[in-house]
C-alpha atoms as a PDB file:
ATOM      1  CA  UNK A   1     116.316  45.607 -56.224  1.00  0.00           C
ATOM      2  CA  UNK A   2     115.375  43.100 -58.925  1.00  0.00           C
ATOM      3  CA  UNK A   3     113.958  44.708 -62.020  1.00  0.00           C
ATOM      4  CA  UNK A   4     112.795  42.452 -64.853  1.00  0.00           C
ATOM      5  CA  UNK A   5     113.945  43.627 -68.254  1.00  0.00           C
ATOM      6  CA  UNK A   6     112.469  41.917 -71.270  1.00  0.00           C
ATOM      7  CA  UNK A   7     115.069  41.434 -73.990  1.00  0.00           C
ATOM      8  CA  UNK A   8     112.909  41.800 -77.076  1.00  0.00           C
ATOM      9  CA  UNK A   9     112.725  42.084 -80.043  1.00  0.00           C
ATOM     10  CA  UNK A  10     115.127  39.534 -81.415  1.00  0.00           C
ATOM     11  CA  UNK A  11     118.327  40.293 -83.342  1.00  0.00           C
ATOM     12  CA  UNK A  12     116.700  40.778 -86.758  1.00  0.00           C
ATOM     13  CA  UNK A  13     113.919  42.959 -85.355  1.00  0.00           C
ATOM     14  CA  UNK A  14     116.431  44.964 -83.326  1.00  0.00           C
ATOM     15  CA  UNK A  15     118.595  45.490 -86.417  1.00  0.00           C
ATOM     16  CA  UNK A  16     115.550  46.762 -88.332  1.00  0.00           C
ATOM     17  CA  UNK A  17     114.657  49.173 -85.520  1.00  0.00           C
ATOM     18  CA  UNK A  18     118.173  50.551 -85.333  1.00  0.00           C
ATOM     19  CA  UNK A  19     118.398  50.973 -89.104  1.00  0.00           C
ATOM     20  CA  UNK A  20     115.072  52.819 -89.225  1.00  0.00           C
ATOM     21  CA  UNK A  21     115.181  54.570 -85.868  1.00  0.00           C
ATOM     22  CA  UNK A  22     114.567  57.971 -87.473  1.00  0.00           C
ATOM     23  CA  UNK A  23     111.338  56.603 -88.936  1.00  0.00           C
ATOM     24  CA  UNK A  24     110.202  55.312 -85.527  1.00  0.00           C
ATOM     25  CA  UNK A  25     111.125  58.655 -83.937  1.00  0.00           C
ATOM     26  CA  UNK A  26     109.047  60.403 -86.608  1.00  0.00           C
ATOM     27  CA  UNK A  27     106.027  58.274 -85.702  1.00  0.00           C
ATOM     28  CA  UNK A  28     106.465  59.045 -81.986  1.00  0.00           C
ATOM     29  CA  UNK A  29     106.779  62.783 -82.607  1.00  0.00           C
ATOM     30  CA  UNK A  30     103.508  62.663 -84.555  1.00  0.00           C
ATOM     31  CA  UNK A  31     101.761  60.905 -81.665  1.00  0.00           C
ATOM     32  CA  UNK A  32     103.096  63.430 -79.144  1.00  0.00           C
ATOM     33  CA  UNK A  33     101.869  66.312 -81.310  1.00  0.00           C
ATOM     34  CA  UNK A  34      98.470  65.024 -82.382  1.00  0.00           C
ATOM     35  CA  UNK A  35      97.652  62.343 -79.814  1.00  0.00           C
ATOM     36  CA  UNK A  36      96.908  59.840 -82.583  1.00  0.00           C
ATOM     37  CA  UNK A  37      98.813  57.222 -84.537  1.00  0.00           C
ATOM     38  CA  UNK A  38      99.631  58.581 -87.986  1.00  0.00           C
ATOM     39  CA  UNK A  39      98.404  57.674 -91.423  1.00  0.00           C
ATOM     40  CA  UNK A  40     101.874  56.922 -92.750  1.00  0.00           C
ATOM     41  CA  UNK A  41     101.094  58.447 -96.148  1.00  0.00           C
ATOM     42  CA  UNK A  42     101.283  61.832 -94.444  1.00  0.00           C
ATOM     43  CA  UNK A  43     104.841  61.154 -93.297  1.00  0.00           C
ATOM     44  CA  UNK A  44     106.388  60.698 -96.751  1.00  0.00           C
ATOM     45  CA  UNK A  45     107.763  64.247 -97.041  1.00  0.00           C
ATOM     46  CA  UNK A  46     109.332  64.166 -93.575  1.00  0.00           C
ATOM     47  CA  UNK A  47     110.797  60.712 -94.203  1.00  0.00           C
ATOM     48  CA  UNK A  48     112.345  61.804 -97.500  1.00  0.00           C
ATOM     49  CA  UNK A  49     114.848  63.991 -95.665  1.00  0.00           C
ATOM     50  CA  UNK A  50     115.737  61.188 -93.230  1.00  0.00           C
ATOM     51  CA  UNK A  51     115.814  58.134 -95.497  1.00  0.00           C
ATOM     52  CA  UNK A  52     115.955  59.335 -99.108  1.00  0.00           C
ATOM     53  CA  UNK A  53     114.420  57.027-101.667  1.00  0.00           C
ATOM     54  CA  UNK A  54     112.425  55.015 -99.119  1.00  0.00           C
ATOM     55  CA  UNK A  55     108.703  54.544 -99.696  1.00  0.00           C
ATOM     56  CA  UNK A  56     107.003  55.180 -96.368  1.00  0.00           C
ATOM     57  CA  UNK A  57     104.149  52.707 -96.829  1.00  0.00           C
ATOM     58  CA  UNK A  58     106.524  49.928 -97.887  1.00  0.00           C
ATOM     59  CA  UNK A  59     108.608  50.659 -94.793  1.00  0.00           C
ATOM     60  CA  UNK A  60     105.531  50.467 -92.569  1.00  0.00           C
ATOM     61  CA  UNK A  61     104.531  47.123 -94.076  1.00  0.00           C
ATOM     62  CA  UNK A  62     108.062  45.826 -93.528  1.00  0.00           C
ATOM     63  CA  UNK A  63     108.158  46.802 -89.848  1.00  0.00           C
ATOM     64  CA  UNK A  64     108.469  43.690 -87.624  1.00  0.00           C
ATOM     65  CA  UNK A  65     105.230  42.867 -85.831  1.00  0.00           C
ATOM     66  CA  UNK A  66     107.218  42.643 -82.606  1.00  0.00           C
ATOM     67  CA  UNK A  67     107.503  46.452 -82.720  1.00  0.00           C
ATOM     68  CA  UNK A  68     103.907  47.332 -83.524  1.00  0.00           C
ATOM     69  CA  UNK A  69     101.189  46.989 -86.155  1.00  0.00           C
ATOM     70  CA  UNK A  70     100.303  48.480 -89.530  1.00  0.00           C
ATOM     71  CA  UNK A  71      96.679  48.545 -90.694  1.00  0.00           C
ATOM     72  CA  UNK A  72      96.714  48.211 -94.487  1.00  0.00           C
ATOM     73  CA  UNK A  73      93.123  49.511 -94.748  1.00  0.00           C
ATOM     74  CA  UNK A  74      93.518  52.736 -92.741  1.00  0.00           C
ATOM     75  CA  UNK A  75      97.285  53.057 -93.387  1.00  0.00           C
ATOM     76  CA  UNK A  76      97.688  53.700 -89.673  1.00  0.00           C
ATOM     77  CA  UNK A  77     100.883  52.575 -87.974  1.00  0.00           C
ATOM     78  CA  UNK A  78     101.110  52.057 -84.220  1.00  0.00           C
ATOM     79  CA  UNK A  79     103.973  51.005 -81.967  1.00  0.00           C
ATOM     80  CA  UNK A  80     103.897  48.898 -78.826  1.00  0.00           C
ATOM     81  CA  UNK A  81     106.140  49.232 -75.777  1.00  0.00           C
ATOM     82  CA  UNK A  82     109.017  47.391 -77.475  1.00  0.00           C
ATOM     83  CA  UNK A  83     108.865  49.636 -80.520  1.00  0.00           C
ATOM     84  CA  UNK A  84     108.871  52.686 -78.258  1.00  0.00           C
ATOM     85  CA  UNK A  85     111.992  51.411 -76.472  1.00  0.00           C
ATOM     86  CA  UNK A  86     114.088  52.306 -79.541  1.00  0.00           C
ATOM     87  CA  UNK A  87     112.906  55.932 -79.562  1.00  0.00           C
ATOM     88  CA  UNK A  88     114.552  58.613 -77.457  1.00  0.00           C
ATOM     89  CA  UNK A  89     111.446  60.798 -77.743  1.00  0.00           C
ATOM     90  CA  UNK A  90     109.267  58.110 -76.158  1.00  0.00           C
ATOM     91  CA  UNK A  91     110.711  58.083 -72.622  1.00  0.00           C
ATOM     92  CA  UNK A  92     107.764  60.084 -71.288  1.00  0.00           C
ATOM     93  CA  UNK A  93     105.274  57.788 -73.013  1.00  0.00           C
ATOM     94  CA  UNK A  94     106.922  54.664 -71.590  1.00  0.00           C
ATOM     95  CA  UNK A  95     106.905  56.226 -68.128  1.00  0.00           C
ATOM     96  CA  UNK A  96     103.200  57.019 -68.485  1.00  0.00           C
ATOM     97  CA  UNK A  97     102.359  53.480 -69.615  1.00  0.00           C
ATOM     98  CA  UNK A  98     103.766  51.795 -66.532  1.00  0.00           C
ATOM     99  CA  UNK A  99     102.173  54.487 -64.348  1.00  0.00           C
ATOM    100  CA  UNK A 100      98.871  53.777 -66.109  1.00  0.00           C
ATOM    101  CA  UNK A 101      99.335  50.066 -65.378  1.00  0.00           C
ATOM    102  CA  UNK A 102      99.823  50.789 -61.668  1.00  0.00           C
ATOM    103  CA  UNK A 103      96.790  53.087 -61.714  1.00  0.00           C
ATOM    104  CA  UNK A 104      94.712  50.422 -63.498  1.00  0.00           C
ATOM    105  CA  UNK A 105      95.443  47.983 -60.681  1.00  0.00           C
ATOM    106  CA  UNK A 106      94.301  50.548 -58.094  1.00  0.00           C
ATOM    107  CA  UNK A 107      91.073  51.165 -60.028  1.00  0.00           C
ATOM    108  CA  UNK A 108      90.519  47.421 -60.539  1.00  0.00           C
ATOM    109  CA  UNK A 109      90.902  46.663 -56.837  1.00  0.00           C
ATOM    110  CA  UNK A 110      88.755  49.577 -55.605  1.00  0.00           C
ATOM    111  CA  UNK A 111      85.953  50.024 -58.167  1.00  0.00           C
ATOM    112  CA  UNK A 112      82.639  48.273 -58.638  1.00  0.00           C
ATOM    113  CA  UNK A 113      83.033  48.589 -62.432  1.00  0.00           C
ATOM    114  CA  UNK A 114      86.746  48.767 -63.194  1.00  0.00           C
ATOM    115  CA  UNK A 115      87.297  50.883 -66.281  1.00  0.00           C
ATOM    116  CA  UNK A 116      89.958  53.048 -67.882  1.00  0.00           C
ATOM    117  CA  UNK A 117      88.543  56.565 -68.079  1.00  0.00           C
ATOM    118  CA  UNK A 118      90.129  59.808 -69.222  1.00  0.00           C
ATOM    119  CA  UNK A 119      89.615  61.473 -65.855  1.00  0.00           C
ATOM    120  CA  UNK A 120      91.485  58.660 -64.110  1.00  0.00           C
ATOM    121  CA  UNK A 121      94.471  58.916 -66.432  1.00  0.00           C
ATOM    122  CA  UNK A 122      94.388  62.699 -66.095  1.00  0.00           C
ATOM    123  CA  UNK A 123      94.488  62.410 -62.302  1.00  0.00           C
ATOM    124  CA  UNK A 124      97.106  59.654 -62.110  1.00  0.00           C
ATOM    125  CA  UNK A 125      99.435  60.764 -64.913  1.00  0.00           C
ATOM    126  CA  UNK A 126      99.145  64.531 -64.681  1.00  0.00           C
ATOM    127  CA  UNK A 127      98.730  64.787 -68.463  1.00  0.00           C
ATOM    128  CA  UNK A 128      96.150  66.459 -70.621  1.00  0.00           C
ATOM    129  CA  UNK A 129      95.586  67.215 -74.287  1.00  0.00           C
ATOM    130  CA  UNK A 130      97.364  65.256 -77.027  1.00  0.00           C
ATOM    131  CA  UNK A 131      99.787  63.523 -74.654  1.00  0.00           C
ATOM    132  CA  UNK A 132      96.992  62.080 -72.531  1.00  0.00           C
ATOM    133  CA  UNK A 133      95.170  60.931 -75.668  1.00  0.00           C
ATOM    134  CA  UNK A 134      98.411  59.398 -76.977  1.00  0.00           C
ATOM    135  CA  UNK A 135      98.970  57.400 -73.797  1.00  0.00           C
ATOM    136  CA  UNK A 136      95.348  56.258 -73.704  1.00  0.00           C
ATOM    137  CA  UNK A 137      95.608  54.974 -77.266  1.00  0.00           C
ATOM    138  CA  UNK A 138      98.965  53.333 -76.557  1.00  0.00           C
ATOM    139  CA  UNK A 139      97.263  51.111 -74.011  1.00  0.00           C
ATOM    140  CA  UNK A 140      95.460  49.369 -76.907  1.00  0.00           C
ATOM    141  CA  UNK A 141      98.786  47.865 -77.971  1.00  0.00           C
ATOM    142  CA  UNK A 142      99.599  46.537 -74.505  1.00  0.00           C
ATOM    143  CA  UNK A 143      98.387  43.158 -73.184  1.00  0.00           C
ATOM    144  CA  UNK A 144      96.373  43.013 -69.995  1.00  0.00           C
ATOM    145  CA  UNK A 145      94.544  46.341 -69.979  1.00  0.00           C
ATOM    146  CA  UNK A 146      91.241  45.749 -71.779  1.00  0.00           C
ATOM    147  CA  UNK A 147      88.699  42.987 -72.247  1.00  0.00           C
ATOM    148  CA  UNK A 148      88.959  41.573 -75.768  1.00  0.00           C
ATOM    149  CA  UNK A 149      86.325  42.867 -78.198  1.00  0.00           C
ATOM    150  CA  UNK A 150      84.457  44.876 -75.549  1.00  0.00           C
ATOM    151  CA  UNK A 151      82.766  48.009 -76.954  1.00  0.00           C
ATOM    152  CA  UNK A 152      83.854  51.407 -75.617  1.00  0.00           C
ATOM    153  CA  UNK A 153      82.016  52.860 -72.630  1.00  0.00           C
ATOM    154  CA  UNK A 154      81.959  56.274 -74.280  1.00  0.00           C
ATOM    155  CA  UNK A 155      81.412  56.183 -78.075  1.00  0.00           C
ATOM    156  CA  UNK A 156      83.102  59.580 -78.337  1.00  0.00           C
ATOM    157  CA  UNK A 157      86.282  58.195 -76.744  1.00  0.00           C
ATOM    158  CA  UNK A 158      86.938  54.678 -78.020  1.00  0.00           C
ATOM    159  CA  UNK A 159      89.803  54.143 -75.552  1.00  0.00           C
ATOM    160  CA  UNK A 160      87.491  54.415 -72.520  1.00  0.00           C
ATOM    161  CA  UNK A 161      86.794  50.742 -71.851  1.00  0.00           C
ATOM    162  CA  UNK A 162      86.272  48.191 -69.119  1.00  0.00           C
ATOM    163  CA  UNK A 163      89.500  46.832 -67.679  1.00  0.00           C
ATOM    164  CA  UNK A 164      90.468  43.204 -68.134  1.00  0.00           C
ATOM    165  CA  UNK A 165      90.788  40.852 -65.183  1.00  0.00           C
ATOM    166  CA  UNK A 166      94.439  40.500 -66.239  1.00  0.00           C
ATOM    167  CA  UNK A 167      94.971  43.936 -64.694  1.00  0.00           C
ATOM    168  CA  UNK A 168      95.365  42.103 -61.380  1.00  0.00           C
ATOM    169  CA  UNK A 169      98.894  41.212 -62.508  1.00  0.00           C
ATOM    170  CA  UNK A 170      99.789  44.923 -62.473  1.00  0.00           C
ATOM    171  CA  UNK A 171      99.759  44.903 -58.667  1.00  0.00           C
ATOM    172  CA  UNK A 172     103.528  44.320 -58.785  1.00  0.00           C
ATOM    173  CA  UNK A 173     104.263  47.212 -61.158  1.00  0.00           C
ATOM    174  CA  UNK A 174     106.498  49.830 -59.541  1.00  0.00           C
ATOM    175  CA  UNK A 175     108.628  51.014 -62.486  1.00  0.00           C
ATOM    176  CA  UNK A 176     109.303  50.449 -66.177  1.00  0.00           C
ATOM    177  CA  UNK A 177     111.300  47.300 -65.563  1.00  0.00           C
ATOM    178  CA  UNK A 178     108.684  45.565 -63.436  1.00  0.00           C
ATOM    179  CA  UNK A 179     106.011  46.503 -65.976  1.00  0.00           C
ATOM    180  CA  UNK A 180     108.040  44.785 -68.691  1.00  0.00           C
ATOM    181  CA  UNK A 181     108.288  41.683 -66.537  1.00  0.00           C
ATOM    182  CA  UNK A 182     104.511  41.528 -66.093  1.00  0.00           C
ATOM    183  CA  UNK A 183     104.011  42.279 -69.777  1.00  0.00           C
ATOM    184  CA  UNK A 184     106.151  39.281 -70.638  1.00  0.00           C
ATOM    185  CA  UNK A 185     104.039  36.978 -68.484  1.00  0.00           C
ATOM    186  CA  UNK A 186     100.842  38.286 -70.092  1.00  0.00           C
ATOM    187  CA  UNK A 187     102.241  37.941 -73.604  1.00  0.00           C
ATOM    188  CA  UNK A 188     103.300  34.339 -72.945  1.00  0.00           C
ATOM    189  CA  UNK A 189     100.647  32.563 -70.849  1.00  0.00           C
ATOM    190  CA  UNK A 190     101.964  29.405 -69.212  1.00  0.00           C
ATOM    191  CA  UNK A 191     101.459  26.370 -71.412  1.00  0.00           C
ATOM    192  CA  UNK A 192     100.272  28.297 -74.454  1.00  0.00           C
ATOM    193  CA  UNK A 193     101.384  26.330 -77.535  1.00  0.00           C
ATOM    194  CA  UNK A 194     103.749  27.798 -80.106  1.00  0.00           C
ATOM    195  CA  UNK A 195     103.147  27.673 -83.808  1.00  0.00           C
ATOM    196  CA  UNK A 196     105.618  26.510 -86.462  1.00  0.00           C
ATOM    197  CA  UNK A 197     107.757  29.655 -86.389  1.00  0.00           C
ATOM    198  CA  UNK A 198     108.064  29.775 -82.616  1.00  0.00           C
ATOM    199  CA  UNK A 199     105.476  32.515 -82.093  1.00  0.00           C
ATOM    200  CA  UNK A 200     102.254  32.717 -80.143  1.00  0.00           C
ATOM    201  CA  UNK A 201      99.111  34.613 -81.015  1.00  0.00           C
ATOM    202  CA  UNK A 202      98.164  37.303 -78.487  1.00  0.00           C
ATOM    203  CA  UNK A 203      95.330  39.215 -80.151  1.00  0.00           C
ATOM    204  CA  UNK A 204      94.455  39.447 -83.813  1.00  0.00           C
ATOM    205  CA  UNK A 205      97.488  40.310 -85.921  1.00  0.00           C
ATOM    206  CA  UNK A 206      99.829  40.940 -82.978  1.00  0.00           C
ATOM    207  CA  UNK A 207     102.543  38.343 -82.587  1.00  0.00           C
ATOM    208  CA  UNK A 208     105.411  38.157 -80.157  1.00  0.00           C
ATOM    209  CA  UNK A 209     108.378  35.818 -80.349  1.00  0.00           C
ATOM    210  CA  UNK A 210     109.535  34.022 -77.230  1.00  0.00           C
ATOM    211  CA  UNK A 211     112.625  35.782 -75.844  1.00  0.00           C
ATOM    212  CA  UNK A 212     114.826  35.539 -72.766  1.00  0.00           C
ATOM    213  CA  UNK A 213     114.021  37.593 -69.687  1.00  0.00           C
ATOM    214  CA  UNK A 214     116.863  39.325 -67.890  1.00  0.00           C
ATOM    215  CA  UNK A 215     116.474  40.742 -64.378  1.00  0.00           C
ATOM    216  CA  UNK A 216     118.817  43.469 -63.213  1.00  0.00           C
ATOM    217  CA  UNK A 217     118.646  41.681 -59.876  1.00  0.00           C
ATOM    218  CA  UNK A 218     120.211  38.669 -61.597  1.00  0.00           C
ATOM    219  CA  UNK A 219     123.267  40.700 -62.556  1.00  0.00           C
ATOM    220  CA  UNK A 220     126.218  40.860 -60.200  1.00  0.00           C
ATOM    221  CA  UNK A 221     125.148  43.232 -57.386  1.00  0.00           C
ATOM    222  CA  UNK A 222     128.077  45.537 -58.122  1.00  0.00           C
ATOM    223  CA  UNK A 223     126.609  46.206 -61.568  1.00  0.00           C
ATOM    224  CA  UNK A 224     122.870  45.958 -60.906  1.00  0.00           C
ATOM    225  CA  UNK A 225     122.906  48.375 -57.965  1.00  0.00           C
ATOM    226  CA  UNK A 226     124.975  50.932 -59.883  1.00  0.00           C
ATOM    227  CA  UNK A 227     122.723  50.824 -62.960  1.00  0.00           C
ATOM    228  CA  UNK A 228     119.158  50.330 -61.721  1.00  0.00           C
ATOM    229  CA  UNK A 229     118.224  53.958 -60.991  1.00  0.00           C
ATOM    230  CA  UNK A 230     119.400  55.142 -64.398  1.00  0.00           C
ATOM    231  CA  UNK A 231     117.732  52.255 -66.230  1.00  0.00           C
ATOM    232  CA  UNK A 232     114.418  53.044 -64.532  1.00  0.00           C
ATOM    233  CA  UNK A 233     114.755  56.739 -65.443  1.00  0.00           C
ATOM    234  CA  UNK A 234     115.558  55.931 -69.076  1.00  0.00           C
ATOM    235  CA  UNK A 235     119.203  57.119 -68.978  1.00  0.00           C
ATOM    236  CA  UNK A 236     120.671  53.998 -70.520  1.00  0.00           C
ATOM    237  CA  UNK A 237     124.087  55.383 -71.470  1.00  0.00           C
ATOM    238  CA  UNK A 238     124.551  56.770 -67.969  1.00  0.00           C
ATOM    239  CA  UNK A 239     123.506  53.404 -66.494  1.00  0.00           C
ATOM    240  CA  UNK A 240     126.349  51.688 -68.336  1.00  0.00           C
ATOM    241  CA  UNK A 241     128.821  54.418 -67.410  1.00  0.00           C
ATOM    242  CA  UNK A 242     127.962  54.210 -63.704  1.00  0.00           C
ATOM    243  CA  UNK A 243     128.229  50.421 -63.793  1.00  0.00           C
ATOM    244  CA  UNK A 244     131.639  50.685 -65.442  1.00  0.00           C
ATOM    245  CA  UNK A 245     132.804  53.144 -62.766  1.00  0.00           C
ATOM    246  CA  UNK A 246     131.659  50.711 -60.059  1.00  0.00           C
ATOM    247  CA  UNK A 247     133.678  47.938 -61.748  1.00  0.00           C
ATOM    248  CA  UNK A 248     136.695  50.228 -62.087  1.00  0.00           C
ATOM    249  CA  UNK A 249     136.551  51.220 -58.419  1.00  0.00           C
ATOM    250  CA  UNK A 250     136.377  47.552 -57.440  1.00  0.00           C
ATOM    251  CA  UNK A 251     139.556  46.856 -59.432  1.00  0.00           C
ATOM    252  CA  UNK A 252     141.244  49.848 -57.808  1.00  0.00           C
ATOM    253  CA  UNK A 253     140.243  48.641 -54.353  1.00  0.00           C
ATOM    254  CA  UNK A 254     141.553  45.129 -54.975  1.00  0.00           C
ATOM    255  CA  UNK A 255     144.833  46.270 -56.506  1.00  0.00           C
ATOM    256  CA  UNK A 256     145.495  49.307 -54.321  1.00  0.00           C
ATOM    257  CA  UNK A 257     145.884  51.366 -57.503  1.00  0.00           C
ATOM    258  CA  UNK A 258     144.609  54.716 -58.726  1.00  0.00           C
ATOM    259  CA  UNK A 259     145.141  53.809 -62.379  1.00  0.00           C
ATOM    260  CA  UNK A 260     142.325  53.924 -64.942  1.00  0.00           C
ATOM    261  CA  UNK A 261     141.397  52.499 -68.323  1.00  0.00           C
ATOM    262  CA  UNK A 262     143.318  49.730 -70.019  1.00  0.00           C
ATOM    263  CA  UNK A 263     146.384  50.478 -67.872  1.00  0.00           C
ATOM    264  CA  UNK A 264     144.360  49.529 -64.788  1.00  0.00           C
ATOM    265  CA  UNK A 265     143.022  46.417 -66.518  1.00  0.00           C
ATOM    266  CA  UNK A 266     146.520  45.296 -67.503  1.00  0.00           C
ATOM    267  CA  UNK A 267     147.765  45.941 -63.988  1.00  0.00           C
ATOM    268  CA  UNK A 268     144.889  43.912 -62.500  1.00  0.00           C
ATOM    269  CA  UNK A 269     144.710  40.917 -64.836  1.00  0.00           C
ATOM    270  CA  UNK A 270     147.896  40.948 -66.936  1.00  0.00           C
ATOM    271  CA  UNK A 271     151.559  40.129 -66.574  1.00  0.00           C
ATOM    272  CA  UNK A 272     153.312  37.075 -65.201  1.00  0.00           C
ATOM    273  CA  UNK A 273     151.966  37.761 -61.694  1.00  0.00           C
ATOM    274  CA  UNK A 274     148.576  39.469 -62.064  1.00  0.00           C
ATOM    275  CA  UNK A 275     147.182  41.328 -59.060  1.00  0.00           C
ATOM    276  CA  UNK A 276     143.799  39.646 -59.517  1.00  0.00           C
ATOM    277  CA  UNK A 277     143.939  35.938 -60.375  1.00  0.00           C
ATOM    278  CA  UNK A 278     140.666  34.554 -61.729  1.00  0.00           C
ATOM    279  CA  UNK A 279     141.784  31.010 -62.666  1.00  0.00           C
ATOM    280  CA  UNK A 280     144.484  28.386 -62.038  1.00  0.00           C
ATOM    281  CA  UNK A 281     147.572  29.783 -63.748  1.00  0.00           C
ATOM    282  CA  UNK A 282     149.306  26.413 -63.479  1.00  0.00           C
ATOM    283  CA  UNK A 283     147.166  25.053 -66.332  1.00  0.00           C
ATOM    284  CA  UNK A 284     146.719  26.070 -69.962  1.00  0.00           C
ATOM    285  CA  UNK A 285     142.988  26.423 -69.415  1.00  0.00           C
ATOM    286  CA  UNK A 286     143.506  28.687 -66.430  1.00  0.00           C
ATOM    287  CA  UNK A 287     146.004  30.864 -68.274  1.00  0.00           C
ATOM    288  CA  UNK A 288     143.587  31.182 -71.196  1.00  0.00           C
ATOM    289  CA  UNK A 289     140.768  32.231 -68.858  1.00  0.00           C
ATOM    290  CA  UNK A 290     143.054  34.799 -67.226  1.00  0.00           C
ATOM    291  CA  UNK A 291     144.075  36.186 -70.623  1.00  0.00           C
ATOM    292  CA  UNK A 292     140.483  36.160 -71.866  1.00  0.00           C
ATOM    293  CA  UNK A 293     139.338  38.091 -68.808  1.00  0.00           C
ATOM    294  CA  UNK A 294     141.974  40.757 -69.438  1.00  0.00           C
ATOM    295  CA  UNK A 295     141.060  41.040 -73.119  1.00  0.00           C
ATOM    296  CA  UNK A 296     137.323  41.196 -72.331  1.00  0.00           C
ATOM    297  CA  UNK A 297     137.916  43.971 -69.802  1.00  0.00           C
ATOM    298  CA  UNK A 298     140.147  45.867 -72.220  1.00  0.00           C
ATOM    299  CA  UNK A 299     137.413  45.627 -74.841  1.00  0.00           C
ATOM    300  CA  UNK A 300     134.888  47.133 -72.431  1.00  0.00           C
ATOM    301  CA  UNK A 301     137.260  49.979 -71.630  1.00  0.00           C
ATOM    302  CA  UNK A 302     137.567  50.721 -75.348  1.00  0.00           C
ATOM    303  CA  UNK A 303     133.827  50.545 -76.015  1.00  0.00           C
ATOM    304  CA  UNK A 304     132.407  51.998 -72.780  1.00  0.00           C
ATOM    305  CA  UNK A 305     134.897  54.044 -70.802  1.00  0.00           C
ATOM    306  CA  UNK A 306     136.831  55.764 -73.598  1.00  0.00           C
ATOM    307  CA  UNK A 307     133.829  56.951 -75.692  1.00  0.00           C
ATOM    308  CA  UNK A 308     132.089  58.372 -72.602  1.00  0.00           C
ATOM    309  CA  UNK A 309     135.190  60.346 -71.676  1.00  0.00           C
ATOM    310  CA  UNK A 310     135.136  62.203 -74.997  1.00  0.00           C
ATOM    311  CA  UNK A 311     131.446  62.382 -75.966  1.00  0.00           C
ATOM    312  CA  UNK A 312     128.157  61.245 -74.411  1.00  0.00           C
ATOM    313  CA  UNK A 313     127.001  57.931 -75.873  1.00  0.00           C
ATOM    314  CA  UNK A 314     123.316  57.453 -76.682  1.00  0.00           C
ATOM    315  CA  UNK A 315     122.181  53.871 -76.011  1.00  0.00           C
ATOM    316  CA  UNK A 316     118.789  52.220 -76.120  1.00  0.00           C
ATOM    317  CA  UNK A 317     117.685  49.746 -73.475  1.00  0.00           C
ATOM    318  CA  UNK A 318     118.786  46.704 -75.496  1.00  0.00           C
ATOM    319  CA  UNK A 319     122.311  48.031 -76.042  1.00  0.00           C
ATOM    320  CA  UNK A 320     122.591  49.005 -72.382  1.00  0.00           C
ATOM    321  CA  UNK A 321     121.550  45.571 -71.151  1.00  0.00           C
ATOM    322  CA  UNK A 322     124.056  43.886 -73.435  1.00  0.00           C
ATOM    323  CA  UNK A 323     126.918  45.941 -71.998  1.00  0.00           C
ATOM    324  CA  UNK A 324     125.679  45.541 -68.421  1.00  0.00           C
ATOM    325  CA  UNK A 325     125.614  41.773 -68.912  1.00  0.00           C
ATOM    326  CA  UNK A 326     129.269  41.818 -69.980  1.00  0.00           C
ATOM    327  CA  UNK A 327     130.230  43.930 -66.965  1.00  0.00           C
ATOM    328  CA  UNK A 328     128.349  41.487 -64.754  1.00  0.00           C
ATOM    329  CA  UNK A 329     130.175  38.516 -66.272  1.00  0.00           C
ATOM    330  CA  UNK A 330     133.517  40.173 -65.549  1.00  0.00           C
ATOM    331  CA  UNK A 331     132.470  41.033 -62.002  1.00  0.00           C
ATOM    332  CA  UNK A 332     131.537  37.424 -61.293  1.00  0.00           C
ATOM    333  CA  UNK A 333     135.058  36.321 -62.216  1.00  0.00           C
ATOM    334  CA  UNK A 334     136.564  38.391 -59.438  1.00  0.00           C
ATOM    335  CA  UNK A 335     137.608  36.035 -56.625  1.00  0.00           C
END
């Protein structure tokens, strides 16, 4: 089951998001409570207990544009789907966004005047109150939903607008991963020129840097199949754990062993006569590849298997995909 996963933001943006995750979580909690993006000046007291000495407005201005936008006139900060991906509290919002995308395609294909209306989101998403308002406003930060610069249909609800023709691309949306794949295509139209810093303009101040696209279907099937359900449900740590267990069971099957952890890895890839040979041991290059495979697998055991045994590990989607990619690389070396 191929599921496109968009690996964005880039390393510097990701580092910023991880460093200030509590700030992003604070913004999301405000949206879930009030249904509106916050004026960041009202968050200063709450932020003081999380990041002492940090000026909230300076932090908002410093936030990478790949995560969202900050309006210096209204002092309002809003996140896009990528910014939400770093927030544990946002799993329900992310779920609702891809469901809204699927619903938008249904409305677009069946209606004489395709539009995003509150009643449609209420029916399709099963939400009401602040959460429904929050999701409706989140759609402003997502490409493909609305016609640029169109006025609202209902002046009392500025998020009720005509749908863009780009909504047709949402026909393939079945889950969070496939939504991210479509979002990538909409953010980077074919042939659109890049500017001097390698970015393209989407709308107004929003800018997205070109990144790689990883599909879970491109991973080794042993890993992709084990992880896909948990990735789609937002359980990223569990996705990595289940993928590791699938890799471990494959090593056990090939070696006829019931060992676990680094002992199993050493038994499979180590020693003068390893049970699983991944390269030509008659050459220096082959012996180095064999040794490197063992060391890589031992590193995964230390960073994935052992921590999960003692305490649950909280991962975001970027961290999970990085570890899944390493597990896939190891799986592909198995003869």
